[in-house]
Amino acid sequence: MTYSSYTVRHSRGPRYRVNDARLNSAADFVRCVFGEQAATAVAFCALDARLEGDAEEFSFWTAVFKKLTTIN
């Protein structure tokens, strides 16, 4: 599952620019796809990025994870 493949064609600039609108969009997308397991799915995306050595993608997915697990 890659959220980036869903959004890369719809944005310009850095591949994983982290801002609130993009994080909210990613969090909503992952919640729709995975429901209650959204945080787990995002954690695996972050782990995969970390193991591949992609710091930019890792940073994006950890920010999405924090968005999903933060109590408002």
C-alpha atoms as a PDB file:
ATOM      1  CA  MET A   1       0.000   0.000   0.000  1.00  0.00           C
ATOM      2  CA  THR A   2       1.481   3.289  -0.982  1.00  0.00           C
ATOM      3  CA  TYR A   3      -0.350   6.501  -0.396  1.00  0.00           C
ATOM      4  CA  SER A   4       2.327   8.221  -2.416  1.00  0.00           C
ATOM      5  CA  SER A   5       1.277   6.421  -5.596  1.00  0.00           C
ATOM      6  CA  TYR A   6      -2.199   7.839  -5.017  1.00  0.00           C
ATOM      7  CA  THR A   7      -1.064  11.444  -4.515  1.00  0.00           C
ATOM      8  CA  VAL A   8       2.175  11.876  -6.466  1.00  0.00           C
ATOM      9  CA  ARG A   9       0.363  12.617  -9.705  1.00  0.00           C
ATOM     10  CA  HIS A  10      -1.838  15.204  -7.974  1.00  0.00           C
ATOM     11  CA  SER A  11       0.827  17.417  -6.456  1.00  0.00           C
ATOM     12  CA  ARG A  12       3.930  19.315  -7.420  1.00  0.00           C
ATOM     13  CA  GLY A  13       7.136  19.807  -5.554  1.00  0.00           C
ATOM     14  CA  PRO A  14       8.866  17.356  -3.245  1.00  0.00           C
ATOM     15  CA  ARG A  15       7.450  13.871  -3.315  1.00  0.00           C
ATOM     16  CA  TYR A  16       6.524  13.785   0.378  1.00  0.00           C
ATOM     17  CA  ARG A  17       6.064  17.416   1.362  1.00  0.00           C
ATOM     18  CA  VAL A  18       4.693  17.281   4.895  1.00  0.00           C
ATOM     19  CA  ASN A  19       1.987  19.784   5.737  1.00  0.00           C
ATOM     20  CA  ASP A  20      -1.256  19.558   7.697  1.00  0.00           C
ATOM     21  CA  ALA A  21      -3.515  19.331   4.667  1.00  0.00           C
ATOM     22  CA  ARG A  22      -1.491  16.515   3.163  1.00  0.00           C
ATOM     23  CA  LEU A  23      -1.239  14.657   6.493  1.00  0.00           C
ATOM     24  CA  ASN A  24      -4.991  14.968   7.044  1.00  0.00           C
ATOM     25  CA  SER A  25      -5.639  13.696   3.525  1.00  0.00           C
ATOM     26  CA  ALA A  26      -3.297  10.748   4.036  1.00  0.00           C
ATOM     27  CA  ALA A  27      -4.809   9.923   7.429  1.00  0.00           C
ATOM     28  CA  ASP A  28      -8.346  10.037   6.001  1.00  0.00           C
ATOM     29  CA  PHE A  29      -7.344   7.860   3.050  1.00  0.00           C
ATOM     30  CA  VAL A  30      -5.689   5.242   5.259  1.00  0.00           C
ATOM     31  CA  ARG A  31      -8.657   5.217   7.673  1.00  0.00           C
ATOM     32  CA  CYS A  32     -11.029   4.593   4.751  1.00  0.00           C
ATOM     33  CA  VAL A  33      -8.944   1.703   3.468  1.00  0.00           C
ATOM     34  CA  PHE A  34      -7.881   0.032   6.745  1.00  0.00           C
ATOM     35  CA  GLY A  35     -10.424   1.202   9.328  1.00  0.00           C
ATOM     36  CA  GLU A  36      -9.323   0.459  12.877  1.00  0.00           C
ATOM     37  CA  GLN A  37      -6.029  -1.000  11.644  1.00  0.00           C
ATOM     38  CA  ALA A  38      -4.964   2.265   9.954  1.00  0.00           C
ATOM     39  CA  ALA A  39      -2.188   3.048  12.448  1.00  0.00           C
ATOM     40  CA  THR A  40      -0.780  -0.458  12.068  1.00  0.00           C
ATOM     41  CA  ALA A  41      -0.778  -0.185   8.270  1.00  0.00           C
ATOM     42  CA  VAL A  42       0.988   3.176   8.411  1.00  0.00           C
ATOM     43  CA  ALA A  43       3.545   1.812  10.882  1.00  0.00           C
ATOM     44  CA  PHE A  44       4.406  -0.921   8.385  1.00  0.00           C
ATOM     45  CA  CYS A  45       4.755   1.685   5.607  1.00  0.00           C
ATOM     46  CA  ALA A  46       7.149   3.658   7.812  1.00  0.00           C
ATOM     47  CA  LEU A  47       9.106   0.531   8.681  1.00  0.00           C
ATOM     48  CA  ASP A  48       9.371  -0.408   5.016  1.00  0.00           C
ATOM     49  CA  ALA A  49      10.637   3.063   4.136  1.00  0.00           C
ATOM     50  CA  ARG A  50      13.170   2.948   6.967  1.00  0.00           C
ATOM     51  CA  LEU A  51      14.482  -0.447   5.854  1.00  0.00           C
ATOM     52  CA  GLU A  52      14.816   0.833   2.286  1.00  0.00           C
ATOM     53  CA  GLY A  53      16.768   3.841   3.524  1.00  0.00           C
ATOM     54  CA  ASP A  54      14.259   6.406   2.234  1.00  0.00           C
ATOM     55  CA  ALA A  55      14.417   9.091   4.934  1.00  0.00           C
ATOM     56  CA  GLU A  56      11.908  11.391   3.221  1.00  0.00           C
ATOM     57  CA  GLU A  57       9.250   8.689   2.944  1.00  0.00           C
ATOM     58  CA  PHE A  58       9.978   7.511   6.497  1.00  0.00           C
ATOM     59  CA  SER A  59       9.462  11.053   7.779  1.00  0.00           C
ATOM     60  CA  PHE A  60       6.156  11.327   5.920  1.00  0.00           C
ATOM     61  CA  TRP A  61       4.768   8.043   7.246  1.00  0.00           C
ATOM     62  CA  THR A  62       5.848   8.740  10.827  1.00  0.00           C
ATOM     63  CA  ALA A  63       4.069  12.107  10.622  1.00  0.00           C
ATOM     64  CA  VAL A  64       0.921  10.342   9.364  1.00  0.00           C
ATOM     65  CA  PHE A  65       1.264   7.794  12.181  1.00  0.00           C
ATOM     66  CA  LYS A  66       1.462  10.594  14.753  1.00  0.00           C
ATOM     67  CA  LYS A  67      -1.630  12.205  13.195  1.00  0.00           C
ATOM     68  CA  LEU A  68      -3.540   8.925  13.451  1.00  0.00           C
ATOM     69  CA  THR A  69      -2.538   8.193  17.045  1.00  0.00           C
ATOM     70  CA  THR A  70      -2.826  11.664  18.553  1.00  0.00           C
ATOM     71  CA  ILE A  71      -5.900  12.239  20.680  1.00  0.00           C
ATOM     72  CA  ASN A  72      -7.525  15.570  19.866  1.00  0.00           C
END
